[in-house]
Amino acid sequence: MDVVTGEPLFSSTDKYESGCGWPAFTKPIEGPAVVEKEDLSHGMRRTEVRSRAGDSHLGHVFTDDPESPNGVRYCINSAALRFVPYEKMEAEGYGYLLHLFEK
């Protein structure tokens, strides 16, 4: 969840070990949770990821990650996220997302 607004951003079902040191996800949660913007800072050309509702900087997305199941890595700053355990999702108002964890 977005630490600022509480908006759902990513699911732990899409998290994987990328070796980059930051939480890495293959995709955002369903719906328009994030916005991607060109980032030309630090002499690099990257794609910044921002939260849709709070417009907070979350991290960057890369489309060439060989460790990712789909080649895409959303490299997200852990300080921008708040983890809600499955057992607490209903009580915290996120029950509508429980279907994401069904197999």
PDB file of N, CA and C in Angstrom:
ATOM      1  N   MET A   1       0.835  -1.170   0.000  1.00  0.00           N
ATOM      2  CA  MET A   1       0.000   0.000   0.000  1.00  0.00           C
ATOM      3  C   MET A   1       0.887   1.243   0.000  1.00  0.00           C
ATOM      4  N   ASP A   2       0.389   2.311  -0.594  1.00  0.00           N
ATOM      5  CA  ASP A   2       1.095   3.588  -0.576  1.00  0.00           C
ATOM      6  C   ASP A   2       1.134   4.078   0.868  1.00  0.00           C
ATOM      7  N   VAL A   3       2.318   4.333   1.383  1.00  0.00           N
ATOM      8  CA  VAL A   3       2.467   4.756   2.776  1.00  0.00           C
ATOM      9  C   VAL A   3       1.790   6.110   3.026  1.00  0.00           C
ATOM     10  N   VAL A   4       1.617   6.907   1.981  1.00  0.00           N
ATOM     11  CA  VAL A   4       1.016   8.237   2.126  1.00  0.00           C
ATOM     12  C   VAL A   4      -0.510   8.179   2.060  1.00  0.00           C
ATOM     13  N   THR A   5      -1.056   7.509   1.035  1.00  0.00           N
ATOM     14  CA  THR A   5      -2.505   7.542   0.799  1.00  0.00           C
ATOM     15  C   THR A   5      -3.241   6.257   1.171  1.00  0.00           C
ATOM     16  N   GLY A   6      -2.527   5.161   1.325  1.00  0.00           N
ATOM     17  CA  GLY A   6      -3.166   3.876   1.581  1.00  0.00           C
ATOM     18  C   GLY A   6      -3.638   3.179   0.319  1.00  0.00           C
ATOM     19  N   GLU A   7      -3.398   3.788  -0.831  1.00  0.00           N
ATOM     20  CA  GLU A   7      -3.802   3.205  -2.110  1.00  0.00           C
ATOM     21  C   GLU A   7      -3.036   1.901  -2.359  1.00  0.00           C
ATOM     22  N   PRO A   8      -3.721   0.836  -2.779  1.00  0.00           N
ATOM     23  CA  PRO A   8      -3.027  -0.404  -3.130  1.00  0.00           C
ATOM     24  C   PRO A   8      -2.135  -0.184  -4.349  1.00  0.00           C
ATOM     25  N   LEU A   9      -0.904  -0.649  -4.281  1.00  0.00           N
ATOM     26  CA  LEU A   9       0.052  -0.439  -5.366  1.00  0.00           C
ATOM     27  C   LEU A   9       0.563  -1.735  -5.978  1.00  0.00           C
ATOM     28  N   PHE A  10       1.036  -2.644  -5.132  1.00  0.00           N
ATOM     29  CA  PHE A  10       1.633  -3.894  -5.595  1.00  0.00           C
ATOM     30  C   PHE A  10       1.157  -5.032  -4.704  1.00  0.00           C
ATOM     31  N   SER A  11       1.194  -6.244  -5.252  1.00  0.00           N
ATOM     32  CA  SER A  11       0.818  -7.439  -4.500  1.00  0.00           C
ATOM     33  C   SER A  11       2.056  -8.292  -4.246  1.00  0.00           C
ATOM     34  N   SER A  12       2.121  -8.889  -3.080  1.00  0.00           N
ATOM     35  CA  SER A  12       3.258  -9.765  -2.774  1.00  0.00           C
ATOM     36  C   SER A  12       3.289 -10.977  -3.703  1.00  0.00           C
ATOM     37  N   THR A  13       2.172 -11.297  -4.361  1.00  0.00           N
ATOM     38  CA  THR A  13       2.166 -12.403  -5.320  1.00  0.00           C
ATOM     39  C   THR A  13       2.977 -12.068  -6.569  1.00  0.00           C
ATOM     40  N   ASP A  14       3.245 -10.788  -6.798  1.00  0.00           N
ATOM     41  CA  ASP A  14       4.033 -10.345  -7.953  1.00  0.00           C
ATOM     42  C   ASP A  14       5.444  -9.918  -7.560  1.00  0.00           C
ATOM     43  N   LYS A  15       5.828 -10.166  -6.316  1.00  0.00           N
ATOM     44  CA  LYS A  15       7.156  -9.804  -5.818  1.00  0.00           C
ATOM     45  C   LYS A  15       8.124 -10.945  -6.119  1.00  0.00           C
ATOM     46  N   TYR A  16       9.360 -10.596  -6.447  1.00  0.00           N
ATOM     47  CA  TYR A  16      10.378 -11.615  -6.698  1.00  0.00           C
ATOM     48  C   TYR A  16      11.735 -11.091  -6.247  1.00  0.00           C
ATOM     49  N   GLU A  17      12.686 -11.986  -6.112  1.00  0.00           N
ATOM     50  CA  GLU A  17      14.041 -11.631  -5.681  1.00  0.00           C
ATOM     51  C   GLU A  17      14.855 -11.243  -6.909  1.00  0.00           C
ATOM     52  N   SER A  18      15.128  -9.950  -7.038  1.00  0.00           N
ATOM     53  CA  SER A  18      15.853  -9.459  -8.210  1.00  0.00           C
ATOM     54  C   SER A  18      17.339  -9.283  -7.942  1.00  0.00           C
ATOM     55  N   GLY A  19      17.706  -9.229  -6.667  1.00  0.00           N
ATOM     56  CA  GLY A  19      19.105  -9.008  -6.329  1.00  0.00           C
ATOM     57  C   GLY A  19      19.515  -7.548  -6.391  1.00  0.00           C
ATOM     58  N   CYS A  20      18.548  -6.635  -6.566  1.00  0.00           N
ATOM     59  CA  CYS A  20      18.882  -5.211  -6.689  1.00  0.00           C
ATOM     60  C   CYS A  20      18.932  -4.499  -5.341  1.00  0.00           C
ATOM     61  N   GLY A  21      18.438  -5.147  -4.289  1.00  0.00           N
ATOM     62  CA  GLY A  21      18.454  -4.525  -2.970  1.00  0.00           C
ATOM     63  C   GLY A  21      17.165  -3.821  -2.591  1.00  0.00           C
ATOM     64  N   TRP A  22      16.283  -3.601  -3.551  1.00  0.00           N
ATOM     65  CA  TRP A  22      14.984  -2.980  -3.295  1.00  0.00           C
ATOM     66  C   TRP A  22      13.898  -4.010  -3.577  1.00  0.00           C
ATOM     67  N   PRO A  23      12.720  -3.840  -3.003  1.00  0.00           N
ATOM     68  CA  PRO A  23      11.621  -4.732  -3.372  1.00  0.00           C
ATOM     69  C   PRO A  23      11.359  -4.638  -4.874  1.00  0.00           C
ATOM     70  N   ALA A  24      11.203  -5.783  -5.518  1.00  0.00           N
ATOM     71  CA  ALA A  24      10.984  -5.824  -6.966  1.00  0.00           C
ATOM     72  C   ALA A  24       9.686  -6.566  -7.262  1.00  0.00           C
ATOM     73  N   PHE A  25       8.920  -6.010  -8.185  1.00  0.00           N
ATOM     74  CA  PHE A  25       7.635  -6.587  -8.570  1.00  0.00           C
ATOM     75  C   PHE A  25       7.577  -6.687 -10.088  1.00  0.00           C
ATOM     76  N   THR A  26       6.825  -7.660 -10.593  1.00  0.00           N
ATOM     77  CA  THR A  26       6.687  -7.821 -12.038  1.00  0.00           C
ATOM     78  C   THR A  26       5.654  -6.879 -12.637  1.00  0.00           C
ATOM     79  N   LYS A  27       4.741  -6.382 -11.783  1.00  0.00           N
ATOM     80  CA  LYS A  27       3.690  -5.480 -12.274  1.00  0.00           C
ATOM     81  C   LYS A  27       3.010  -4.812 -11.090  1.00  0.00           C
ATOM     82  N   PRO A  28       2.348  -3.685 -11.339  1.00  0.00           N
ATOM     83  CA  PRO A  28       1.541  -3.064 -10.283  1.00  0.00           C
ATOM     84  C   PRO A  28       0.261  -3.878 -10.079  1.00  0.00           C
ATOM     85  N   ILE A  29      -0.431  -3.580  -9.014  1.00  0.00           N
ATOM     86  CA  ILE A  29      -1.713  -4.222  -8.742  1.00  0.00           C
ATOM     87  C   ILE A  29      -2.689  -3.830  -9.851  1.00  0.00           C
ATOM     88  N   GLU A  30      -3.745  -4.596 -10.034  1.00  0.00           N
ATOM     89  CA  GLU A  30      -4.706  -4.296 -11.100  1.00  0.00           C
ATOM     90  C   GLU A  30      -5.289  -2.893 -10.948  1.00  0.00           C
ATOM     91  N   GLY A  31      -5.597  -2.279 -12.076  1.00  0.00           N
ATOM     92  CA  GLY A  31      -6.115  -0.911 -12.054  1.00  0.00           C
ATOM     93  C   GLY A  31      -4.993   0.100 -12.194  1.00  0.00           C
ATOM     94  N   PRO A  32      -5.345   1.350 -12.313  1.00  0.00           N
ATOM     95  CA  PRO A  32      -4.339   2.408 -12.528  1.00  0.00           C
ATOM     96  C   PRO A  32      -3.685   2.867 -11.223  1.00  0.00           C
ATOM     97  N   ALA A  33      -2.919   2.003 -10.587  1.00  0.00           N
ATOM     98  CA  ALA A  33      -2.321   2.332  -9.289  1.00  0.00           C
ATOM     99  C   ALA A  33      -1.109   3.242  -9.404  1.00  0.00           C
ATOM    100  N   VAL A  34      -0.381   3.114 -10.510  1.00  0.00           N
ATOM    101  CA  VAL A  34       0.846   3.895 -10.658  1.00  0.00           C
ATOM    102  C   VAL A  34       0.858   4.643 -11.982  1.00  0.00           C
ATOM    103  N   VAL A  35       1.695   5.661 -12.028  1.00  0.00           N
ATOM    104  CA  VAL A  35       1.905   6.464 -13.228  1.00  0.00           C
ATOM    105  C   VAL A  35       3.385   6.382 -13.559  1.00  0.00           C
ATOM    106  N   GLU A  36       3.704   6.225 -14.832  1.00  0.00           N
ATOM    107  CA  GLU A  36       5.101   6.166 -15.262  1.00  0.00           C
ATOM    108  C   GLU A  36       5.459   7.458 -15.980  1.00  0.00           C
ATOM    109  N   LYS A  37       6.627   8.010 -15.621  1.00  0.00           N
ATOM    110  CA  LYS A  37       7.087   9.266 -16.211  1.00  0.00           C
ATOM    111  C   LYS A  37       8.557   9.144 -16.591  1.00  0.00           C
ATOM    112  N   GLU A  38       8.936   9.811 -17.667  1.00  0.00           N
ATOM    113  CA  GLU A  38      10.340   9.820 -18.075  1.00  0.00           C
ATOM    114  C   GLU A  38      11.172  10.540 -17.018  1.00  0.00           C
ATOM    115  N   ASP A  39      12.324   9.974 -16.695  1.00  0.00           N
ATOM    116  CA  ASP A  39      13.228  10.535 -15.688  1.00  0.00           C
ATOM    117  C   ASP A  39      14.609  10.666 -16.321  1.00  0.00           C
ATOM    118  N   LEU A  40      15.064  11.887 -16.502  1.00  0.00           N
ATOM    119  CA  LEU A  40      16.364  12.146 -17.118  1.00  0.00           C
ATOM    120  C   LEU A  40      17.399  12.611 -16.099  1.00  0.00           C
ATOM    121  N   SER A  41      17.138  12.397 -14.821  1.00  0.00           N
ATOM    122  CA  SER A  41      18.052  12.859 -13.773  1.00  0.00           C
ATOM    123  C   SER A  41      19.334  12.026 -13.732  1.00  0.00           C
ATOM    124  N   HIS A  42      20.352  12.597 -13.139  1.00  0.00           N
ATOM    125  CA  HIS A  42      21.641  11.928 -12.917  1.00  0.00           C
ATOM    126  C   HIS A  42      22.292  11.448 -14.212  1.00  0.00           C
ATOM    127  N   GLY A  43      22.007  12.115 -15.321  1.00  0.00           N
ATOM    128  CA  GLY A  43      22.606  11.767 -16.598  1.00  0.00           C
ATOM    129  C   GLY A  43      22.129  10.434 -17.164  1.00  0.00           C
ATOM    130  N   MET A  44      20.997   9.951 -16.687  1.00  0.00           N
ATOM    131  CA  MET A  44      20.450   8.668 -17.153  1.00  0.00           C
ATOM    132  C   MET A  44      19.062   8.877 -17.747  1.00  0.00           C
ATOM    133  N   ARG A  45      18.646   7.921 -18.538  1.00  0.00           N
ATOM    134  CA  ARG A  45      17.283   7.913 -19.074  1.00  0.00           C
ATOM    135  C   ARG A  45      16.570   6.715 -18.453  1.00  0.00           C
ATOM    136  N   ARG A  46      15.627   7.007 -17.562  1.00  0.00           N
ATOM    137  CA  ARG A  46      14.903   5.948 -16.851  1.00  0.00           C
ATOM    138  C   ARG A  46      13.413   6.267 -16.870  1.00  0.00           C
ATOM    139  N   THR A  47      12.636   5.317 -16.382  1.00  0.00           N
ATOM    140  CA  THR A  47      11.200   5.528 -16.237  1.00  0.00           C
ATOM    141  C   THR A  47      10.872   5.520 -14.753  1.00  0.00           C
ATOM    142  N   GLU A  48      10.452   6.671 -14.270  1.00  0.00           N
ATOM    143  CA  GLU A  48      10.078   6.817 -12.860  1.00  0.00           C
ATOM    144  C   GLU A  48       8.672   6.268 -12.648  1.00  0.00           C
ATOM    145  N   VAL A  49       8.450   5.677 -11.485  1.00  0.00           N
ATOM    146  CA  VAL A  49       7.129   5.189 -11.096  1.00  0.00           C
ATOM    147  C   VAL A  49       6.639   6.053  -9.942  1.00  0.00           C
ATOM    148  N   ARG A  50       5.426   6.609 -10.089  1.00  0.00           N
ATOM    149  CA  ARG A  50       4.816   7.449  -9.056  1.00  0.00           C
ATOM    150  C   ARG A  50       3.441   6.894  -8.724  1.00  0.00           C
ATOM    151  N   SER A  51       2.998   7.132  -7.502  1.00  0.00           N
ATOM    152  CA  SER A  51       1.649   6.691  -7.131  1.00  0.00           C
ATOM    153  C   SER A  51       0.629   7.592  -7.817  1.00  0.00           C
ATOM    154  N   ARG A  52      -0.456   6.998  -8.263  1.00  0.00           N
ATOM    155  CA  ARG A  52      -1.486   7.758  -8.980  1.00  0.00           C
ATOM    156  C   ARG A  52      -2.156   8.765  -8.060  1.00  0.00           C
ATOM    157  N   ALA A  53      -2.609   8.321  -6.901  1.00  0.00           N
ATOM    158  CA  ALA A  53      -3.380   9.194  -6.011  1.00  0.00           C
ATOM    159  C   ALA A  53      -2.514  10.219  -5.290  1.00  0.00           C
ATOM    160  N   GLY A  54      -1.372   9.814  -4.787  1.00  0.00           N
ATOM    161  CA  GLY A  54      -0.535  10.712  -3.990  1.00  0.00           C
ATOM    162  C   GLY A  54       0.565  11.405  -4.759  1.00  0.00           C
ATOM    163  N   ASP A  55       0.809  10.969  -6.002  1.00  0.00           N
ATOM    164  CA  ASP A  55       1.888  11.499  -6.834  1.00  0.00           C
ATOM    165  C   ASP A  55       3.241  11.404  -6.122  1.00  0.00           C
ATOM    166  N   SER A  56       3.419  10.360  -5.313  1.00  0.00           N
ATOM    167  CA  SER A  56       4.680  10.148  -4.596  1.00  0.00           C
ATOM    168  C   SER A  56       5.648   9.349  -5.456  1.00  0.00           C
ATOM    169  N   HIS A  57       6.929   9.681  -5.350  1.00  0.00           N
ATOM    170  CA  HIS A  57       7.960   8.891  -6.028  1.00  0.00           C
ATOM    171  C   HIS A  57       8.020   7.518  -5.371  1.00  0.00           C
ATOM    172  N   LEU A  58       7.912   6.461  -6.180  1.00  0.00           N
ATOM    173  CA  LEU A  58       7.960   5.090  -5.670  1.00  0.00           C
ATOM    174  C   LEU A  58       9.252   4.378  -6.046  1.00  0.00           C
ATOM    175  N   GLY A  59       9.776   4.687  -7.212  1.00  0.00           N
ATOM    176  CA  GLY A  59      10.973   4.001  -7.701  1.00  0.00           C
ATOM    177  C   GLY A  59      11.042   4.110  -9.210  1.00  0.00           C
ATOM    178  N   HIS A  60      11.545   3.042  -9.850  1.00  0.00           N
ATOM    179  CA  HIS A  60      11.698   3.033 -11.302  1.00  0.00           C
ATOM    180  C   HIS A  60      11.271   1.678 -11.858  1.00  0.00           C
ATOM    181  N   VAL A  61      10.941   1.662 -13.145  1.00  0.00           N
ATOM    182  CA  VAL A  61      10.604   0.412 -13.825  1.00  0.00           C
ATOM    183  C   VAL A  61      11.630   0.180 -14.930  1.00  0.00           C
ATOM    184  N   PHE A  62      12.055  -1.074 -15.053  1.00  0.00           N
ATOM    185  CA  PHE A  62      13.029  -1.474 -16.061  1.00  0.00           C
ATOM    186  C   PHE A  62      12.422  -2.617 -16.871  1.00  0.00           C
ATOM    187  N   THR A  63      12.664  -2.617 -18.173  1.00  0.00           N
ATOM    188  CA  THR A  63      12.038  -3.614 -19.049  1.00  0.00           C
ATOM    189  C   THR A  63      13.027  -4.636 -19.590  1.00  0.00           C
ATOM    190  N   ASP A  64      14.179  -4.746 -18.956  1.00  0.00           N
ATOM    191  CA  ASP A  64      15.209  -5.660 -19.462  1.00  0.00           C
ATOM    192  C   ASP A  64      15.815  -6.518 -18.350  1.00  0.00           C
ATOM    193  N   ASP A  65      15.004  -6.936 -17.393  1.00  0.00           N
ATOM    194  CA  ASP A  65      15.515  -7.695 -16.251  1.00  0.00           C
ATOM    195  C   ASP A  65      15.437  -9.197 -16.521  1.00  0.00           C
ATOM    196  N   PRO A  66      16.581  -9.868 -16.700  1.00  0.00           N
ATOM    197  CA  PRO A  66      16.563 -11.309 -16.970  1.00  0.00           C
ATOM    198  C   PRO A  66      16.090 -12.147 -15.779  1.00  0.00           C
ATOM    199  N   GLU A  67      16.100 -11.576 -14.568  1.00  0.00           N
ATOM    200  CA  GLU A  67      15.644 -12.302 -13.377  1.00  0.00           C
ATOM    201  C   GLU A  67      14.122 -12.290 -13.234  1.00  0.00           C
ATOM    202  N   SER A  68      13.470 -11.351 -13.891  1.00  0.00           N
ATOM    203  CA  SER A  68      12.016 -11.214 -13.784  1.00  0.00           C
ATOM    204  C   SER A  68      11.313 -12.242 -14.667  1.00  0.00           C
ATOM    205  N   PRO A  69      10.245 -12.838 -14.179  1.00  0.00           N
ATOM    206  CA  PRO A  69       9.490 -13.802 -14.993  1.00  0.00           C
ATOM    207  C   PRO A  69       8.961 -13.217 -16.304  1.00  0.00           C
ATOM    208  N   ASN A  70       8.688 -11.909 -16.336  1.00  0.00           N
ATOM    209  CA  ASN A  70       8.183 -11.279 -17.559  1.00  0.00           C
ATOM    210  C   ASN A  70       9.147 -10.244 -18.135  1.00  0.00           C
ATOM    211  N   GLY A  71      10.362 -10.166 -17.588  1.00  0.00           N
ATOM    212  CA  GLY A  71      11.361  -9.225 -18.085  1.00  0.00           C
ATOM    213  C   GLY A  71      11.219  -7.819 -17.541  1.00  0.00           C
ATOM    214  N   VAL A  72      10.157  -7.568 -16.776  1.00  0.00           N
ATOM    215  CA  VAL A  72       9.881  -6.235 -16.243  1.00  0.00           C
ATOM    216  C   VAL A  72      10.164  -6.224 -14.746  1.00  0.00           C
ATOM    217  N   ARG A  73      10.859  -5.176 -14.300  1.00  0.00           N
ATOM    218  CA  ARG A  73      11.150  -5.043 -12.864  1.00  0.00           C
ATOM    219  C   ARG A  73      10.719  -3.667 -12.387  1.00  0.00           C
ATOM    220  N   TYR A  74       9.735  -3.649 -11.510  1.00  0.00           N
ATOM    221  CA  TYR A  74       9.367  -2.430 -10.795  1.00  0.00           C
ATOM    222  C   TYR A  74      10.219  -2.424  -9.537  1.00  0.00           C
ATOM    223  N   CYS A  75      11.224  -1.582  -9.506  1.00  0.00           N
ATOM    224  CA  CYS A  75      12.176  -1.476  -8.397  1.00  0.00           C
ATOM    225  C   CYS A  75      11.667  -0.356  -7.486  1.00  0.00           C
ATOM    226  N   ILE A  76      11.127  -0.738  -6.332  1.00  0.00           N
ATOM    227  CA  ILE A  76      10.362   0.195  -5.506  1.00  0.00           C
ATOM    228  C   ILE A  76      11.044   0.448  -4.168  1.00  0.00           C
ATOM    229  N   ASN A  77      11.056   1.701  -3.753  1.00  0.00           N
ATOM    230  CA  ASN A  77      11.633   2.096  -2.468  1.00  0.00           C
ATOM    231  C   ASN A  77      10.743   1.557  -1.347  1.00  0.00           C
ATOM    232  N   SER A  78      11.310   0.747  -0.471  1.00  0.00           N
ATOM    233  CA  SER A  78      10.501   0.135   0.591  1.00  0.00           C
ATOM    234  C   SER A  78       9.890   1.170   1.530  1.00  0.00           C
ATOM    235  N   ALA A  79      10.503   2.349   1.649  1.00  0.00           N
ATOM    236  CA  ALA A  79       9.959   3.401   2.517  1.00  0.00           C
ATOM    237  C   ALA A  79       8.659   3.977   1.956  1.00  0.00           C
ATOM    238  N   ALA A  80       8.374   3.729   0.679  1.00  0.00           N
ATOM    239  CA  ALA A  80       7.151   4.228   0.053  1.00  0.00           C
ATOM    240  C   ALA A  80       5.982   3.262   0.226  1.00  0.00           C
ATOM    241  N   LEU A  81       6.266   2.070   0.765  1.00  0.00           N
ATOM    242  CA  LEU A  81       5.251   1.023   0.872  1.00  0.00           C
ATOM    243  C   LEU A  81       4.896   0.693   2.313  1.00  0.00           C
ATOM    244  N   ARG A  82       3.660   0.265   2.501  1.00  0.00           N
ATOM    245  CA  ARG A  82       3.234  -0.291   3.792  1.00  0.00           C
ATOM    246  C   ARG A  82       2.654  -1.670   3.506  1.00  0.00           C
ATOM    247  N   PHE A  83       3.246  -2.680   4.123  1.00  0.00           N
ATOM    248  CA  PHE A  83       2.796  -4.055   3.936  1.00  0.00           C
ATOM    249  C   PHE A  83       1.605  -4.337   4.842  1.00  0.00           C
ATOM    250  N   VAL A  84       0.559  -4.909   4.267  1.00  0.00           N
ATOM    251  CA  VAL A  84      -0.609  -5.327   5.041  1.00  0.00           C
ATOM    252  C   VAL A  84      -0.690  -6.849   4.931  1.00  0.00           C
ATOM    253  N   PRO A  85      -0.532  -7.564   6.040  1.00  0.00           N
ATOM    254  CA  PRO A  85      -0.616  -9.026   6.003  1.00  0.00           C
ATOM    255  C   PRO A  85      -1.987  -9.498   5.527  1.00  0.00           C
ATOM    256  N   TYR A  86      -2.001 -10.629   4.864  1.00  0.00           N
ATOM    257  CA  TYR A  86      -3.236 -11.222   4.347  1.00  0.00           C
ATOM    258  C   TYR A  86      -4.312 -11.283   5.429  1.00  0.00           C
ATOM    259  N   GLU A  87      -3.921 -11.690   6.618  1.00  0.00           N
ATOM    260  CA  GLU A  87      -4.863 -11.870   7.719  1.00  0.00           C
ATOM    261  C   GLU A  87      -5.518 -10.559   8.165  1.00  0.00           C
ATOM    262  N   LYS A  88      -4.925  -9.428   7.833  1.00  0.00           N
ATOM    263  CA  LYS A  88      -5.459  -8.129   8.265  1.00  0.00           C
ATOM    264  C   LYS A  88      -6.112  -7.338   7.134  1.00  0.00           C
ATOM    265  N   MET A  89      -6.090  -7.880   5.928  1.00  0.00           N
ATOM    266  CA  MET A  89      -6.603  -7.127   4.781  1.00  0.00           C
ATOM    267  C   MET A  89      -8.078  -6.762   4.930  1.00  0.00           C
ATOM    268  N   GLU A  90      -8.892  -7.701   5.335  1.00  0.00           N
ATOM    269  CA  GLU A  90     -10.329  -7.435   5.493  1.00  0.00           C
ATOM    270  C   GLU A  90     -10.559  -6.341   6.534  1.00  0.00           C
ATOM    271  N   ALA A  91      -9.939  -6.466   7.685  1.00  0.00           N
ATOM    272  CA  ALA A  91     -10.126  -5.511   8.786  1.00  0.00           C
ATOM    273  C   ALA A  91      -9.640  -4.113   8.425  1.00  0.00           C
ATOM    274  N   GLU A  92      -8.640  -4.025   7.546  1.00  0.00           N
ATOM    275  CA  GLU A  92      -8.095  -2.717   7.168  1.00  0.00           C
ATOM    276  C   GLU A  92      -8.745  -2.143   5.914  1.00  0.00           C
ATOM    277  N   GLY A  93      -9.802  -2.797   5.426  1.00  0.00           N
ATOM    278  CA  GLY A  93     -10.546  -2.264   4.290  1.00  0.00           C
ATOM    279  C   GLY A  93     -10.072  -2.723   2.929  1.00  0.00           C
ATOM    280  N   TYR A  94      -9.232  -3.741   2.883  1.00  0.00           N
ATOM    281  CA  TYR A  94      -8.704  -4.229   1.611  1.00  0.00           C
ATOM    282  C   TYR A  94      -9.251  -5.603   1.243  1.00  0.00           C
ATOM    283  N   GLY A  95     -10.372  -5.984   1.837  1.00  0.00           N
ATOM    284  CA  GLY A  95     -10.971  -7.285   1.560  1.00  0.00           C
ATOM    285  C   GLY A  95     -11.275  -7.508   0.088  1.00  0.00           C
ATOM    286  N   TYR A  96     -11.568  -6.446  -0.641  1.00  0.00           N
ATOM    287  CA  TYR A  96     -11.881  -6.567  -2.066  1.00  0.00           C
ATOM    288  C   TYR A  96     -10.681  -7.035  -2.891  1.00  0.00           C
ATOM    289  N   LEU A  97      -9.491  -7.060  -2.282  1.00  0.00           N
ATOM    290  CA  LEU A  97      -8.286  -7.508  -2.991  1.00  0.00           C
ATOM    291  C   LEU A  97      -7.903  -8.952  -2.668  1.00  0.00           C
ATOM    292  N   LEU A  98      -8.629  -9.601  -1.795  1.00  0.00           N
ATOM    293  CA  LEU A  98      -8.274 -10.961  -1.380  1.00  0.00           C
ATOM    294  C   LEU A  98      -8.245 -11.945  -2.552  1.00  0.00           C
ATOM    295  N   HIS A  99      -9.026 -11.677  -3.591  1.00  0.00           N
ATOM    296  CA  HIS A  99      -9.038 -12.577  -4.753  1.00  0.00           C
ATOM    297  C   HIS A  99      -7.666 -12.669  -5.425  1.00  0.00           C
ATOM    298  N   LEU A 100      -6.811 -11.682  -5.220  1.00  0.00           N
ATOM    299  CA  LEU A 100      -5.476 -11.706  -5.825  1.00  0.00           C
ATOM    300  C   LEU A 100      -4.614 -12.839  -5.278  1.00  0.00           C
ATOM    301  N   PHE A 101      -4.982 -13.367  -4.134  1.00  0.00           N
ATOM    302  CA  PHE A 101      -4.185 -14.400  -3.481  1.00  0.00           C
ATOM    303  C   PHE A 101      -4.774 -15.797  -3.649  1.00  0.00           C
ATOM    304  N   GLU A 102      -5.875 -15.906  -4.393  1.00  0.00           N
ATOM    305  CA  GLU A 102      -6.491 -17.208  -4.652  1.00  0.00           C
ATOM    306  C   GLU A 102      -5.797 -17.870  -5.828  1.00  0.00           C
ATOM    307  N   LYS A 103      -5.666 -19.176  -5.749  1.00  0.00           N
ATOM    308  CA  LYS A 103      -5.008 -19.907  -6.850  1.00  0.00           C
ATOM    309  C   LYS A 103      -5.995 -20.729  -7.619  1.00  0.00           C
TER     310      LYS A 103
END
